């Protein structure tokens, strides 16, 4: 996996999580703001990587999605290895 593949996987998992949260908790409210913040963080992380090749934001995004159980341990490890390989 390369960095672009890692980004694609992160965005896919974010989309999957967004659908789950939206469908499960829509009646309770309050979750949309969290997903909007996560989307802003993802956009900032991708921009940082594109402009400066800095993967720190992508690593934080991966850690957050892993904590939310949106990434498996194997996926998290693959993503982190791809991001660590970026110089």
Protein backbone atom coordinates (compact mmCIF):
# COMPACT_ATOMS: atom_id res chain seq x y z
CA UNK A 1 0.00 0.00 0.00
CA UNK A 2 1.19 3.52 -0.78
CA UNK A 3 0.04 6.83 0.68
CA UNK A 4 -2.65 7.31 -1.96
CA UNK A 5 -4.00 3.85 -1.18
CA UNK A 6 -3.96 4.69 2.52
CA UNK A 7 -5.92 7.89 1.87
CA UNK A 8 -8.47 5.99 -0.21
CA UNK A 9 -8.93 3.45 2.58
CA UNK A 10 -9.28 6.19 5.21
CA UNK A 11 -11.91 7.98 3.14
CA UNK A 12 -13.76 4.74 2.49
CA UNK A 13 -13.88 3.96 6.21
CA UNK A 14 -14.99 7.51 6.98
CA UNK A 15 -17.81 7.14 4.48
CA UNK A 16 -18.81 3.79 5.98
CA UNK A 17 -18.77 5.28 9.47
CA UNK A 18 -20.78 8.29 8.33
CA UNK A 19 -23.47 6.03 6.90
CA UNK A 20 -23.56 3.94 10.09
CA UNK A 21 -23.71 6.94 12.41
CA UNK A 22 -26.30 8.67 10.27
CA UNK A 23 -28.52 5.61 10.11
CA UNK A 24 -28.15 4.53 13.71
CA UNK A 25 -28.19 7.79 15.61
CA UNK A 26 -30.20 10.11 13.36
CA UNK A 27 -33.06 10.23 15.84
CA UNK A 28 -30.78 11.33 18.69
CA UNK A 29 -29.00 14.21 16.96
CA UNK A 30 -25.61 15.59 17.93
CA UNK A 31 -23.55 13.21 15.81
CA UNK A 32 -23.55 15.23 12.61
CA UNK A 33 -21.20 17.81 14.12
CA UNK A 34 -18.67 15.13 15.03
CA UNK A 35 -18.67 13.79 11.48
CA UNK A 36 -18.29 17.31 10.08
CA UNK A 37 -15.26 17.87 12.31
CA UNK A 38 -13.78 14.56 11.20
CA UNK A 39 -14.33 15.54 7.55
CA UNK A 40 -12.60 18.90 8.14
CA UNK A 41 -9.69 17.08 9.80
CA UNK A 42 -9.46 14.70 6.85
CA UNK A 43 -9.46 17.56 4.35
CA UNK A 44 -6.73 19.36 6.30
CA UNK A 45 -4.64 16.18 6.58
CA UNK A 46 -4.87 15.50 2.86
CA UNK A 47 -3.99 19.10 2.02
CA UNK A 48 -0.99 18.98 4.37
CA UNK A 49 0.25 15.82 2.66
CA UNK A 50 -0.28 17.20 -0.84
CA UNK A 51 1.45 20.50 -0.13
CA UNK A 52 4.26 19.43 2.21
CA UNK A 53 4.33 15.62 2.09
CA UNK A 54 3.67 15.74 5.85
CA UNK A 55 1.80 12.62 6.95
CA UNK A 56 1.21 13.67 10.57
CA UNK A 57 -2.43 14.63 9.96
CA UNK A 58 -3.12 11.38 8.11
CA UNK A 59 -1.60 9.43 10.99
CA UNK A 60 -3.86 11.25 13.45
CA UNK A 61 -6.88 10.55 11.24
CA UNK A 62 -5.95 6.87 11.09
CA UNK A 63 -5.57 6.74 14.87
CA UNK A 64 -8.98 8.39 15.33
CA UNK A 65 -10.72 6.00 12.94
CA UNK A 66 -8.99 3.07 14.61
CA UNK A 67 -10.20 4.28 18.01
CA UNK A 68 -13.74 4.51 16.58
CA UNK A 69 -13.35 0.89 15.38
CA UNK A 70 -13.72 2.04 11.78
CA UNK A 71 -10.35 0.47 10.96
CA UNK A 72 -9.30 -3.03 11.86
CA UNK A 73 -5.94 -3.58 13.52
CA UNK A 74 -4.58 -4.97 10.23
CA UNK A 75 -5.80 -1.97 8.23
CA UNK A 76 -4.40 0.44 10.80
CA UNK A 77 -1.00 -1.27 10.65
CA UNK A 78 -0.98 -1.22 6.84
CA UNK A 79 -1.88 2.45 6.75
CA UNK A 80 0.73 3.41 9.33
CA UNK A 81 3.42 1.45 7.49
CA UNK A 82 2.51 3.23 4.23
CA UNK A 83 2.57 6.62 5.96
CA UNK A 84 5.86 5.85 7.72
CA UNK A 85 7.37 4.93 4.34
CA UNK A 86 6.59 8.37 2.91
CA UNK A 87 9.66 10.58 3.02
